[in-house]
């Protein structure tokens, strides 16, 4: 039985783009062009108990977005996600009491300290 199950996960973000140039600063205060970015599209996988996996890809591939959905930080626009029998974003407090997620850049980690101290 799978401990982690993602089926058809999709997530988009809407970003505002300000016009360029000096007048763009003033114009951008009143009018902004919006653009929709697809961060995840139809992501599906399952991980069984005891499996060891790596989730790799280039910058902008959606790795962090996927992990944030699995941690309950973000809600997907479409699809289903089950972690240890729970939907992460529906009861986040109960969910995060059983898991751990760490985000950080290499420059932010303390190499000479154990994880619990960092």
PDB file of N, CA and C in Angstrom:
ATOM      1  N   UNK A   1       0.837  -1.189   0.000  1.00  0.00           N
ATOM      2  CA  UNK A   1       0.000   0.000   0.000  1.00  0.00           C
ATOM      3  C   UNK A   1       0.881   1.252   0.000  1.00  0.00           C
ATOM      4  N   UNK A   2       0.478   2.257  -0.768  1.00  0.00           N
ATOM      5  CA  UNK A   2       1.255   3.491  -0.881  1.00  0.00           C
ATOM      6  C   UNK A   2       1.070   4.375   0.338  1.00  0.00           C
ATOM      7  N   UNK A   3       2.173   4.955   0.793  1.00  0.00           N
ATOM      8  CA  UNK A   3       2.140   5.921   1.890  1.00  0.00           C
ATOM      9  C   UNK A   3       1.939   7.337   1.350  1.00  0.00           C
ATOM     10  N   UNK A   4       2.430   7.542   0.119  1.00  0.00           N
ATOM     11  CA  UNK A   4       2.301   8.838  -0.555  1.00  0.00           C
ATOM     12  C   UNK A   4       1.708   8.576  -1.933  1.00  0.00           C
ATOM     13  N   UNK A   5       0.639   9.283  -2.249  1.00  0.00           N
ATOM     14  CA  UNK A   5      -0.051   9.074  -3.528  1.00  0.00           C
ATOM     15  C   UNK A   5      -0.472  10.421  -4.100  1.00  0.00           C
ATOM     16  N   UNK A   6       0.010  10.737  -5.288  1.00  0.00           N
ATOM     17  CA  UNK A   6      -0.400  11.940  -6.009  1.00  0.00           C
ATOM     18  C   UNK A   6      -0.986  11.512  -7.341  1.00  0.00           C
ATOM     19  N   UNK A   7      -2.144  12.044  -7.670  1.00  0.00           N
ATOM     20  CA  UNK A   7      -2.833  11.705  -8.921  1.00  0.00           C
ATOM     21  C   UNK A   7      -3.288  12.979  -9.633  1.00  0.00           C
ATOM     22  N   UNK A   8      -2.699  13.267 -10.772  1.00  0.00           N
ATOM     23  CA  UNK A   8      -3.142  14.381 -11.604  1.00  0.00           C
ATOM     24  C   UNK A   8      -3.033  15.748 -10.967  1.00  0.00           C
ATOM     25  N   UNK A   9      -2.015  15.963 -10.162  1.00  0.00           N
ATOM     26  CA  UNK A   9      -1.861  17.243  -9.466  1.00  0.00           C
ATOM     27  C   UNK A   9      -1.503  18.343 -10.455  1.00  0.00           C
ATOM     28  N   UNK A  10      -2.204  19.459 -10.342  1.00  0.00           N
ATOM     29  CA  UNK A  10      -1.939  20.638 -11.156  1.00  0.00           C
ATOM     30  C   UNK A  10      -1.994  21.878 -10.293  1.00  0.00           C
ATOM     31  N   UNK A  11      -1.113  22.829 -10.574  1.00  0.00           N
ATOM     32  CA  UNK A  11      -1.093  24.084  -9.813  1.00  0.00           C
ATOM     33  C   UNK A  11      -0.651  25.214 -10.732  1.00  0.00           C
ATOM     34  N   UNK A  12      -1.413  26.301 -10.730  1.00  0.00           N
ATOM     35  CA  UNK A  12      -1.054  27.486 -11.498  1.00  0.00           C
ATOM     36  C   UNK A  12      -0.923  28.681 -10.560  1.00  0.00           C
ATOM     37  N   UNK A  13      -0.128  29.640 -10.971  1.00  0.00           N
ATOM     38  CA  UNK A  13       0.035  30.883 -10.226  1.00  0.00           C
ATOM     39  C   UNK A  13      -0.249  32.039 -11.170  1.00  0.00           C
ATOM     40  N   UNK A  14      -0.903  33.037 -10.655  1.00  0.00           N
ATOM     41  CA  UNK A  14      -1.206  34.238 -11.440  1.00  0.00           C
ATOM     42  C   UNK A  14      -0.250  35.332 -10.975  1.00  0.00           C
ATOM     43  N   UNK A  15       0.528  35.862 -11.896  1.00  0.00           N
ATOM     44  CA  UNK A  15       1.488  36.904 -11.549  1.00  0.00           C
ATOM     45  C   UNK A  15       1.159  38.181 -12.310  1.00  0.00           C
ATOM     46  N   UNK A  16       1.476  39.304 -11.695  1.00  0.00           N
ATOM     47  CA  UNK A  16       1.260  40.603 -12.325  1.00  0.00           C
ATOM     48  C   UNK A  16       2.574  41.094 -12.905  1.00  0.00           C
ATOM     49  N   UNK A  17       2.487  41.685 -14.072  1.00  0.00           N
ATOM     50  CA  UNK A  17       3.665  42.217 -14.728  1.00  0.00           C
ATOM     51  C   UNK A  17       3.496  43.728 -14.847  1.00  0.00           C
ATOM     52  N   UNK A  18       4.476  44.460 -14.321  1.00  0.00           N
ATOM     53  CA  UNK A  18       4.420  45.923 -14.381  1.00  0.00           C
ATOM     54  C   UNK A  18       5.037  46.394 -15.691  1.00  0.00           C
ATOM     55  N   UNK A  19       4.460  47.419 -16.295  1.00  0.00           N
ATOM     56  CA  UNK A  19       5.039  47.970 -17.520  1.00  0.00           C
ATOM     57  C   UNK A  19       6.468  48.476 -17.271  1.00  0.00           C
ATOM     58  N   UNK A  20       7.314  48.400 -18.275  1.00  0.00           N
ATOM     59  CA  UNK A  20       8.708  48.812 -18.136  1.00  0.00           C
ATOM     60  C   UNK A  20       8.866  50.320 -18.277  1.00  0.00           C
ATOM     61  N   UNK A  21      10.031  50.811 -17.882  1.00  0.00           N
ATOM     62  CA  UNK A  21      10.372  52.220 -18.030  1.00  0.00           C
ATOM     63  C   UNK A  21       9.933  53.066 -16.855  1.00  0.00           C
ATOM     64  N   UNK A  22      10.320  54.348 -16.915  1.00  0.00           N
ATOM     65  CA  UNK A  22       9.985  55.269 -15.831  1.00  0.00           C
ATOM     66  C   UNK A  22       8.482  55.456 -15.684  1.00  0.00           C
ATOM     67  N   UNK A  23       7.817  55.587 -16.796  1.00  0.00           N
ATOM     68  CA  UNK A  23       6.371  55.769 -16.743  1.00  0.00           C
ATOM     69  C   UNK A  23       5.670  54.482 -16.322  1.00  0.00           C
ATOM     70  N   UNK A  24       6.361  53.364 -16.489  1.00  0.00           N
ATOM     71  CA  UNK A  24       5.793  52.083 -16.095  1.00  0.00           C
ATOM     72  C   UNK A  24       5.530  52.001 -14.609  1.00  0.00           C
ATOM     73  N   UNK A  25       6.377  52.644 -13.820  1.00  0.00           N
ATOM     74  CA  UNK A  25       6.188  52.657 -12.362  1.00  0.00           C
ATOM     75  C   UNK A  25       4.861  53.331 -12.024  1.00  0.00           C
ATOM     76  N   UNK A  26       4.619  54.473 -12.633  1.00  0.00           N
ATOM     77  CA  UNK A  26       3.377  55.196 -12.381  1.00  0.00           C
ATOM     78  C   UNK A  26       2.180  54.459 -12.972  1.00  0.00           C
ATOM     79  N   UNK A  27       2.330  54.034 -14.207  1.00  0.00           N
ATOM     80  CA  UNK A  27       1.247  53.319 -14.891  1.00  0.00           C
ATOM     81  C   UNK A  27       0.923  51.997 -14.182  1.00  0.00           C
ATOM     82  N   UNK A  28       1.963  51.325 -13.673  1.00  0.00           N
ATOM     83  CA  UNK A  28       1.793  50.041 -13.000  1.00  0.00           C
ATOM     84  C   UNK A  28       1.014  50.128 -11.700  1.00  0.00           C
ATOM     85  N   UNK A  29       0.953  51.325 -11.136  1.00  0.00           N
ATOM     86  CA  UNK A  29       0.172  51.508  -9.914  1.00  0.00           C
ATOM     87  C   UNK A  29      -1.326  51.392 -10.188  1.00  0.00           C
ATOM     88  N   UNK A  30      -1.716  51.630 -11.439  1.00  0.00           N
ATOM     89  CA  UNK A  30      -3.131  51.608 -11.797  1.00  0.00           C
ATOM     90  C   UNK A  30      -3.524  50.432 -12.681  1.00  0.00           C
ATOM     91  N   UNK A  31      -2.619  50.031 -13.576  1.00  0.00           N
ATOM     92  CA  UNK A  31      -2.920  48.976 -14.544  1.00  0.00           C
ATOM     93  C   UNK A  31      -1.787  47.951 -14.545  1.00  0.00           C
ATOM     94  N   UNK A  32      -2.140  46.703 -14.363  1.00  0.00           N
ATOM     95  CA  UNK A  32      -1.133  45.644 -14.420  1.00  0.00           C
ATOM     96  C   UNK A  32      -1.611  44.532 -15.327  1.00  0.00           C
ATOM     97  N   UNK A  33      -0.675  44.024 -16.070  1.00  0.00           N
ATOM     98  CA  UNK A  33      -0.962  42.903 -16.952  1.00  0.00           C
ATOM     99  C   UNK A  33      -0.769  41.617 -16.153  1.00  0.00           C
ATOM    100  N   UNK A  34      -1.744  40.725 -16.197  1.00  0.00           N
ATOM    101  CA  UNK A  34      -1.657  39.470 -15.455  1.00  0.00           C
ATOM    102  C   UNK A  34      -1.296  38.326 -16.392  1.00  0.00           C
ATOM    103  N   UNK A  35      -0.537  37.385 -15.845  1.00  0.00           N
ATOM    104  CA  UNK A  35      -0.092  36.228 -16.614  1.00  0.00           C
ATOM    105  C   UNK A  35      -0.250  34.995 -15.723  1.00  0.00           C
ATOM    106  N   UNK A  36      -0.729  33.903 -16.304  1.00  0.00           N
ATOM    107  CA  UNK A  36      -0.887  32.660 -15.551  1.00  0.00           C
ATOM    108  C   UNK A  36       0.255  31.712 -15.900  1.00  0.00           C
ATOM    109  N   UNK A  37       0.907  31.206 -14.868  1.00  0.00           N
ATOM    110  CA  UNK A  37       2.032  30.285 -15.031  1.00  0.00           C
ATOM    111  C   UNK A  37       1.619  28.910 -14.504  1.00  0.00           C
ATOM    112  N   UNK A  38       1.795  27.883 -15.300  1.00  0.00           N
ATOM    113  CA  UNK A  38       1.514  26.509 -14.859  1.00  0.00           C
ATOM    114  C   UNK A  38       2.763  25.962 -14.170  1.00  0.00           C
ATOM    115  N   UNK A  39       2.701  25.828 -12.853  1.00  0.00           N
ATOM    116  CA  UNK A  39       3.836  25.311 -12.095  1.00  0.00           C
ATOM    117  C   UNK A  39       3.866  23.784 -12.131  1.00  0.00           C
ATOM    118  N   UNK A  40       2.695  23.163 -12.063  1.00  0.00           N
ATOM    119  CA  UNK A  40       2.575  21.704 -12.111  1.00  0.00           C
ATOM    120  C   UNK A  40       1.441  21.340 -13.064  1.00  0.00           C
ATOM    121  N   UNK A  41       1.666  20.292 -13.832  1.00  0.00           N
ATOM    122  CA  UNK A  41       0.620  19.841 -14.740  1.00  0.00           C
ATOM    123  C   UNK A  41       0.612  18.316 -14.753  1.00  0.00           C
ATOM    124  N   UNK A  42      -0.458  17.735 -14.252  1.00  0.00           N
ATOM    125  CA  UNK A  42      -0.679  16.291 -14.260  1.00  0.00           C
ATOM    126  C   UNK A  42       0.470  15.488 -13.622  1.00  0.00           C
ATOM    127  N   UNK A  43       0.839  15.859 -12.394  1.00  0.00           N
ATOM    128  CA  UNK A  43       1.879  15.139 -11.657  1.00  0.00           C
ATOM    129  C   UNK A  43       1.237  13.958 -10.940  1.00  0.00           C
ATOM    130  N   UNK A  44       1.752  12.769 -11.206  1.00  0.00           N
ATOM    131  CA  UNK A  44       1.232  11.545 -10.578  1.00  0.00           C
ATOM    132  C   UNK A  44       2.384  10.631 -10.204  1.00  0.00           C
ATOM    133  N   UNK A  45       2.379  10.165  -8.969  1.00  0.00           N
ATOM    134  CA  UNK A  45       3.319   9.134  -8.526  1.00  0.00           C
ATOM    135  C   UNK A  45       2.847   8.582  -7.188  1.00  0.00           C
ATOM    136  N   UNK A  46       3.404   7.443  -6.822  1.00  0.00           N
ATOM    137  CA  UNK A  46       3.111   6.871  -5.503  1.00  0.00           C
ATOM    138  C   UNK A  46       4.401   6.311  -4.928  1.00  0.00           C
ATOM    139  N   UNK A  47       4.495   6.358  -3.608  1.00  0.00           N
ATOM    140  CA  UNK A  47       5.672   5.868  -2.891  1.00  0.00           C
ATOM    141  C   UNK A  47       5.175   4.928  -1.804  1.00  0.00           C
ATOM    142  N   UNK A  48       5.689   3.724  -1.823  1.00  0.00           N
ATOM    143  CA  UNK A  48       5.297   2.720  -0.835  1.00  0.00           C
ATOM    144  C   UNK A  48       6.175   2.808   0.408  1.00  0.00           C
ATOM    145  N   UNK A  49       5.697   2.249   1.488  1.00  0.00           N
ATOM    146  CA  UNK A  49       6.452   2.229   2.736  1.00  0.00           C
ATOM    147  C   UNK A  49       7.804   1.563   2.511  1.00  0.00           C
ATOM    148  N   UNK A  50       8.843   2.208   2.991  1.00  0.00           N
ATOM    149  CA  UNK A  50      10.191   1.660   2.884  1.00  0.00           C
ATOM    150  C   UNK A  50      10.937   2.048   1.619  1.00  0.00           C
ATOM    151  N   UNK A  51      10.254   2.622   0.639  1.00  0.00           N
ATOM    152  CA  UNK A  51      10.928   3.044  -0.587  1.00  0.00           C
ATOM    153  C   UNK A  51      11.736   4.309  -0.333  1.00  0.00           C
ATOM    154  N   UNK A  52      12.881   4.394  -0.985  1.00  0.00           N
ATOM    155  CA  UNK A  52      13.725   5.575  -0.910  1.00  0.00           C
ATOM    156  C   UNK A  52      13.746   6.188  -2.306  1.00  0.00           C
ATOM    157  N   UNK A  53      13.339   7.447  -2.415  1.00  0.00           N
ATOM    158  CA  UNK A  53      13.245   8.087  -3.722  1.00  0.00           C
ATOM    159  C   UNK A  53      13.956   9.433  -3.712  1.00  0.00           C
ATOM    160  N   UNK A  54      14.318   9.899  -4.889  1.00  0.00           N
ATOM    161  CA  UNK A  54      14.842  11.242  -5.081  1.00  0.00           C
ATOM    162  C   UNK A  54      13.925  11.976  -6.034  1.00  0.00           C
ATOM    163  N   UNK A  55      13.710  13.235  -5.799  1.00  0.00           N
ATOM    164  CA  UNK A  55      12.843  14.056  -6.651  1.00  0.00           C
ATOM    165  C   UNK A  55      13.718  15.179  -7.180  1.00  0.00           C
ATOM    166  N   UNK A  56      14.230  15.000  -8.382  1.00  0.00           N
ATOM    167  CA  UNK A  56      15.203  15.939  -8.922  1.00  0.00           C
ATOM    168  C   UNK A  56      14.704  16.582 -10.207  1.00  0.00           C
ATOM    169  N   UNK A  57      15.276  17.720 -10.530  1.00  0.00           N
ATOM    170  CA  UNK A  57      14.942  18.423 -11.760  1.00  0.00           C
ATOM    171  C   UNK A  57      15.567  19.794 -11.751  1.00  0.00           C
ATOM    172  N   UNK A  58      15.536  20.475 -12.886  1.00  0.00           N
ATOM    173  CA  UNK A  58      16.138  21.809 -12.974  1.00  0.00           C
ATOM    174  C   UNK A  58      15.328  22.852 -12.200  1.00  0.00           C
ATOM    175  N   UNK A  59      15.910  24.020 -12.011  1.00  0.00           N
ATOM    176  CA  UNK A  59      15.194  25.135 -11.377  1.00  0.00           C
ATOM    177  C   UNK A  59      13.921  25.413 -12.159  1.00  0.00           C
ATOM    178  N   UNK A  60      12.830  25.627 -11.424  1.00  0.00           N
ATOM    179  CA  UNK A  60      11.559  25.939 -12.065  1.00  0.00           C
ATOM    180  C   UNK A  60      10.767  24.734 -12.523  1.00  0.00           C
ATOM    181  N   UNK A  61      11.235  23.532 -12.196  1.00  0.00           N
ATOM    182  CA  UNK A  61      10.551  22.318 -12.645  1.00  0.00           C
ATOM    183  C   UNK A  61       9.319  21.985 -11.809  1.00  0.00           C
ATOM    184  N   UNK A  62       9.169  22.585 -10.628  1.00  0.00           N
ATOM    185  CA  UNK A  62       8.004  22.331  -9.783  1.00  0.00           C
ATOM    186  C   UNK A  62       8.270  21.446  -8.576  1.00  0.00           C
ATOM    187  N   UNK A  63       9.533  21.189  -8.275  1.00  0.00           N
ATOM    188  CA  UNK A  63       9.868  20.325  -7.129  1.00  0.00           C
ATOM    189  C   UNK A  63       9.356  20.918  -5.818  1.00  0.00           C
ATOM    190  N   UNK A  64       9.672  22.168  -5.552  1.00  0.00           N
ATOM    191  CA  UNK A  64       9.250  22.804  -4.304  1.00  0.00           C
ATOM    192  C   UNK A  64       7.739  22.939  -4.229  1.00  0.00           C
ATOM    193  N   UNK A  65       7.104  23.255  -5.336  1.00  0.00           N
ATOM    194  CA  UNK A  65       5.642  23.367  -5.358  1.00  0.00           C
ATOM    195  C   UNK A  65       5.008  22.030  -5.006  1.00  0.00           C
ATOM    196  N   UNK A  66       5.555  20.942  -5.550  1.00  0.00           N
ATOM    197  CA  UNK A  66       5.039  19.604  -5.248  1.00  0.00           C
ATOM    198  C   UNK A  66       5.191  19.294  -3.762  1.00  0.00           C
ATOM    199  N   UNK A  67       6.355  19.574  -3.203  1.00  0.00           N
ATOM    200  CA  UNK A  67       6.602  19.294  -1.785  1.00  0.00           C
ATOM    201  C   UNK A  67       5.711  20.170  -0.903  1.00  0.00           C
ATOM    202  N   UNK A  68       5.475  21.414  -1.296  1.00  0.00           N
ATOM    203  CA  UNK A  68       4.584  22.283  -0.520  1.00  0.00           C
ATOM    204  C   UNK A  68       3.146  21.773  -0.545  1.00  0.00           C
ATOM    205  N   UNK A  69       2.720  21.202  -1.648  1.00  0.00           N
ATOM    206  CA  UNK A  69       1.388  20.581  -1.708  1.00  0.00           C
ATOM    207  C   UNK A  69       1.356  19.366  -0.803  1.00  0.00           C
ATOM    208  N   UNK A  70       2.399  18.554  -0.856  1.00  0.00           N
ATOM    209  CA  UNK A  70       2.461  17.357  -0.009  1.00  0.00           C
ATOM    210  C   UNK A  70       2.521  17.719   1.473  1.00  0.00           C
ATOM    211  N   UNK A  71       3.060  18.889   1.794  1.00  0.00           N
ATOM    212  CA  UNK A  71       3.129  19.344   3.175  1.00  0.00           C
ATOM    213  C   UNK A  71       1.914  20.120   3.630  1.00  0.00           C
ATOM    214  N   UNK A  72       0.985  20.393   2.724  1.00  0.00           N
ATOM    215  CA  UNK A  72      -0.229  21.113   3.085  1.00  0.00           C
ATOM    216  C   UNK A  72      -0.077  22.619   3.058  1.00  0.00           C
ATOM    217  N   UNK A  73       1.069  23.121   2.606  1.00  0.00           N
ATOM    218  CA  UNK A  73       1.298  24.565   2.550  1.00  0.00           C
ATOM    219  C   UNK A  73       0.518  25.177   1.396  1.00  0.00           C
ATOM    220  N   UNK A  74       0.458  24.469   0.264  1.00  0.00           N
ATOM    221  CA  UNK A  74      -0.300  24.914  -0.901  1.00  0.00           C
ATOM    222  C   UNK A  74      -1.437  23.941  -1.196  1.00  0.00           C
ATOM    223  N   UNK A  75      -2.479  24.450  -1.800  1.00  0.00           N
ATOM    224  CA  UNK A  75      -3.591  23.626  -2.257  1.00  0.00           C
ATOM    225  C   UNK A  75      -3.520  23.548  -3.777  1.00  0.00           C
ATOM    226  N   UNK A  76      -3.572  22.350  -4.348  1.00  0.00           N
ATOM    227  CA  UNK A  76      -3.510  22.251  -5.813  1.00  0.00           C
ATOM    228  C   UNK A  76      -4.807  22.733  -6.449  1.00  0.00           C
ATOM    229  N   UNK A  77      -4.716  23.126  -7.715  1.00  0.00           N
ATOM    230  CA  UNK A  77      -5.901  23.530  -8.472  1.00  0.00           C
ATOM    231  C   UNK A  77      -6.693  22.305  -8.921  1.00  0.00           C
ATOM    232  N   UNK A  78      -5.988  21.195  -9.108  1.00  0.00           N
ATOM    233  CA  UNK A  78      -6.647  19.959  -9.537  1.00  0.00           C
ATOM    234  C   UNK A  78      -5.848  18.760  -9.052  1.00  0.00           C
ATOM    235  N   UNK A  79      -6.504  17.616  -8.994  1.00  0.00           N
ATOM    236  CA  UNK A  79      -5.859  16.374  -8.612  1.00  0.00           C
ATOM    237  C   UNK A  79      -6.064  16.020  -7.156  1.00  0.00           C
ATOM    238  N   UNK A  80      -5.543  14.854  -6.785  1.00  0.00           N
ATOM    239  CA  UNK A  80      -5.668  14.333  -5.425  1.00  0.00           C
ATOM    240  C   UNK A  80      -4.299  13.998  -4.870  1.00  0.00           C
ATOM    241  N   UNK A  81      -4.151  14.200  -3.574  1.00  0.00           N
ATOM    242  CA  UNK A  81      -2.908  13.873  -2.866  1.00  0.00           C
ATOM    243  C   UNK A  81      -3.270  13.265  -1.522  1.00  0.00           C
ATOM    244  N   UNK A  82      -2.697  12.113  -1.242  1.00  0.00           N
ATOM    245  CA  UNK A  82      -2.919  11.449   0.039  1.00  0.00           C
ATOM    246  C   UNK A  82      -1.567  11.092   0.633  1.00  0.00           C
ATOM    247  N   UNK A  83      -1.328  11.533   1.851  1.00  0.00           N
ATOM    248  CA  UNK A  83      -0.104  11.231   2.580  1.00  0.00           C
ATOM    249  C   UNK A  83      -0.519  10.553   3.881  1.00  0.00           C
ATOM    250  N   UNK A  84      -0.083   9.320   4.065  1.00  0.00           N
ATOM    251  CA  UNK A  84      -0.427   8.550   5.273  1.00  0.00           C
ATOM    252  C   UNK A  84      -1.944   8.552   5.519  1.00  0.00           C
ATOM    253  N   UNK A  85      -2.707   8.483   4.431  1.00  0.00           N
ATOM    254  CA  UNK A  85      -4.163   8.415   4.541  1.00  0.00           C
ATOM    255  C   UNK A  85      -4.864   9.747   4.703  1.00  0.00           C
ATOM    256  N   UNK A  86      -4.112  10.855   4.698  1.00  0.00           N
ATOM    257  CA  UNK A  86      -4.716  12.175   4.880  1.00  0.00           C
ATOM    258  C   UNK A  86      -4.516  13.051   3.643  1.00  0.00           C
ATOM    259  N   UNK A  87      -5.445  13.962   3.436  1.00  0.00           N
ATOM    260  CA  UNK A  87      -5.283  14.991   2.414  1.00  0.00           C
ATOM    261  C   UNK A  87      -4.601  16.168   3.112  1.00  0.00           C
ATOM    262  N   UNK A  88      -3.358  16.489   2.750  1.00  0.00           N
ATOM    263  CA  UNK A  88      -2.544  17.444   3.506  1.00  0.00           C
ATOM    264  C   UNK A  88      -3.171  18.795   3.791  1.00  0.00           C
ATOM    265  N   UNK A  89      -3.854  19.410   2.837  1.00  0.00           N
ATOM    266  CA  UNK A  89      -4.370  20.768   3.022  1.00  0.00           C
ATOM    267  C   UNK A  89      -5.715  20.801   3.722  1.00  0.00           C
ATOM    268  N   UNK A  90      -6.354  19.658   3.937  1.00  0.00           N
ATOM    269  CA  UNK A  90      -7.672  19.653   4.587  1.00  0.00           C
ATOM    270  C   UNK A  90      -7.582  19.700   6.106  1.00  0.00           C
ATOM    271  N   UNK A  91      -6.635  19.006   6.688  1.00  0.00           N
ATOM    272  CA  UNK A  91      -6.424  19.058   8.134  1.00  0.00           C
ATOM    273  C   UNK A  91      -4.925  19.185   8.372  1.00  0.00           C
ATOM    274  N   UNK A  92      -4.415  20.363   8.055  1.00  0.00           N
ATOM    275  CA  UNK A  92      -2.973  20.585   8.045  1.00  0.00           C
ATOM    276  C   UNK A  92      -2.328  20.343   9.410  1.00  0.00           C
ATOM    277  N   UNK A  93      -2.979  20.736  10.471  1.00  0.00           N
ATOM    278  CA  UNK A  93      -2.385  20.600  11.809  1.00  0.00           C
ATOM    279  C   UNK A  93      -2.135  19.131  12.161  1.00  0.00           C
ATOM    280  N   UNK A  94      -3.095  18.269  11.907  1.00  0.00           N
ATOM    281  CA  UNK A  94      -2.906  16.836  12.168  1.00  0.00           C
ATOM    282  C   UNK A  94      -1.861  16.257  11.230  1.00  0.00           C
ATOM    283  N   UNK A  95      -1.851  16.751  10.001  1.00  0.00           N
ATOM    284  CA  UNK A  95      -0.905  16.252   9.000  1.00  0.00           C
ATOM    285  C   UNK A  95       0.539  16.579   9.372  1.00  0.00           C
ATOM    286  N   UNK A  96       0.807  17.828   9.706  1.00  0.00           N
ATOM    287  CA  UNK A  96       2.195  18.222   9.977  1.00  0.00           C
ATOM    288  C   UNK A  96       2.720  17.689  11.307  1.00  0.00           C
ATOM    289  N   UNK A  97       1.846  17.174  12.136  1.00  0.00           N
ATOM    290  CA  UNK A  97       2.330  16.578  13.386  1.00  0.00           C
ATOM    291  C   UNK A  97       3.018  15.236  13.128  1.00  0.00           C
ATOM    292  N   UNK A  98       2.881  14.679  11.917  1.00  0.00           N
ATOM    293  CA  UNK A  98       3.456  13.377  11.584  1.00  0.00           C
ATOM    294  C   UNK A  98       4.573  13.439  10.544  1.00  0.00           C
ATOM    295  N   UNK A  99       4.838  14.628   9.974  1.00  0.00           N
ATOM    296  CA  UNK A  99       5.838  14.731   8.913  1.00  0.00           C
ATOM    297  C   UNK A  99       6.799  15.880   9.208  1.00  0.00           C
ATOM    298  N   UNK A 100       7.829  15.992   8.425  1.00  0.00           N
ATOM    299  CA  UNK A 100       8.756  17.117   8.503  1.00  0.00           C
ATOM    300  C   UNK A 100       9.194  17.515   7.109  1.00  0.00           C
ATOM    301  N   UNK A 101       9.285  18.811   6.868  1.00  0.00           N
ATOM    302  CA  UNK A 101       9.745  19.340   5.588  1.00  0.00           C
ATOM    303  C   UNK A 101      10.697  20.479   5.889  1.00  0.00           C
ATOM    304  N   UNK A 102      11.862  20.458   5.254  1.00  0.00           N
ATOM    305  CA  UNK A 102      12.850  21.513   5.444  1.00  0.00           C
ATOM    306  C   UNK A 102      13.186  22.104   4.081  1.00  0.00           C
ATOM    307  N   UNK A 103      13.063  23.426   3.961  1.00  0.00           N
ATOM    308  CA  UNK A 103      13.475  24.134   2.756  1.00  0.00           C
ATOM    309  C   UNK A 103      14.661  25.003   3.124  1.00  0.00           C
ATOM    310  N   UNK A 104      15.637  25.047   2.258  1.00  0.00           N
ATOM    311  CA  UNK A 104      16.776  25.923   2.516  1.00  0.00           C
ATOM    312  C   UNK A 104      17.809  25.795   1.424  1.00  0.00           C
ATOM    313  N   UNK A 105      18.578  26.828   1.283  1.00  0.00           N
ATOM    314  CA  UNK A 105      19.681  26.823   0.336  1.00  0.00           C
ATOM    315  C   UNK A 105      20.931  26.352   1.065  1.00  0.00           C
ATOM    316  N   UNK A 106      21.877  25.899   0.318  1.00  0.00           N
ATOM    317  CA  UNK A 106      23.132  25.430   0.893  1.00  0.00           C
ATOM    318  C   UNK A 106      23.748  26.477   1.823  1.00  0.00           C
ATOM    319  N   UNK A 107      23.660  27.730   1.426  1.00  0.00           N
ATOM    320  CA  UNK A 107      24.258  28.804   2.232  1.00  0.00           C
ATOM    321  C   UNK A 107      23.511  29.043   3.549  1.00  0.00           C
ATOM    322  N   UNK A 108      22.295  28.508   3.665  1.00  0.00           N
ATOM    323  CA  UNK A 108      21.508  28.721   4.875  1.00  0.00           C
ATOM    324  C   UNK A 108      21.665  27.596   5.894  1.00  0.00           C
ATOM    325  N   UNK A 109      22.278  26.491   5.501  1.00  0.00           N
ATOM    326  CA  UNK A 109      22.407  25.356   6.401  1.00  0.00           C
ATOM    327  C   UNK A 109      23.700  25.442   7.203  1.00  0.00           C
ATOM    328  N   UNK A 110      23.674  24.914   8.390  1.00  0.00           N
ATOM    329  CA  UNK A 110      24.843  24.888   9.258  1.00  0.00           C
ATOM    330  C   UNK A 110      25.432  23.487   9.165  1.00  0.00           C
ATOM    331  N   UNK A 111      26.501  23.328   8.418  1.00  0.00           N
ATOM    332  CA  UNK A 111      27.052  22.017   8.132  1.00  0.00           C
ATOM    333  C   UNK A 111      27.604  21.310   9.358  1.00  0.00           C
ATOM    334  N   UNK A 112      28.064  22.067  10.333  1.00  0.00           N
ATOM    335  CA  UNK A 112      28.696  21.444  11.503  1.00  0.00           C
ATOM    336  C   UNK A 112      27.709  21.169  12.632  1.00  0.00           C
ATOM    337  N   UNK A 113      26.418  21.407  12.404  1.00  0.00           N
ATOM    338  CA  UNK A 113      25.391  21.151  13.421  1.00  0.00           C
ATOM    339  C   UNK A 113      24.456  20.033  12.987  1.00  0.00           C
ATOM    340  N   UNK A 114      23.971  19.250  13.934  1.00  0.00           N
ATOM    341  CA  UNK A 114      22.960  18.244  13.594  1.00  0.00           C
ATOM    342  C   UNK A 114      21.668  18.921  13.133  1.00  0.00           C
ATOM    343  N   UNK A 115      20.819  18.183  12.435  1.00  0.00           N
ATOM    344  CA  UNK A 115      19.569  18.729  11.904  1.00  0.00           C
ATOM    345  C   UNK A 115      18.715  19.331  13.003  1.00  0.00           C
ATOM    346  N   UNK A 116      18.608  18.671  14.135  1.00  0.00           N
ATOM    347  CA  UNK A 116      17.752  19.175  15.214  1.00  0.00           C
ATOM    348  C   UNK A 116      18.240  20.533  15.725  1.00  0.00           C
ATOM    349  N   UNK A 117      19.553  20.774  15.727  1.00  0.00           N
ATOM    350  CA  UNK A 117      20.084  22.059  16.172  1.00  0.00           C
ATOM    351  C   UNK A 117      19.931  23.140  15.121  1.00  0.00           C
ATOM    352  N   UNK A 118      20.007  22.749  13.847  1.00  0.00           N
ATOM    353  CA  UNK A 118      19.865  23.709  12.776  1.00  0.00           C
ATOM    354  C   UNK A 118      18.446  24.236  12.735  1.00  0.00           C
TER     355      UNK A 118
END
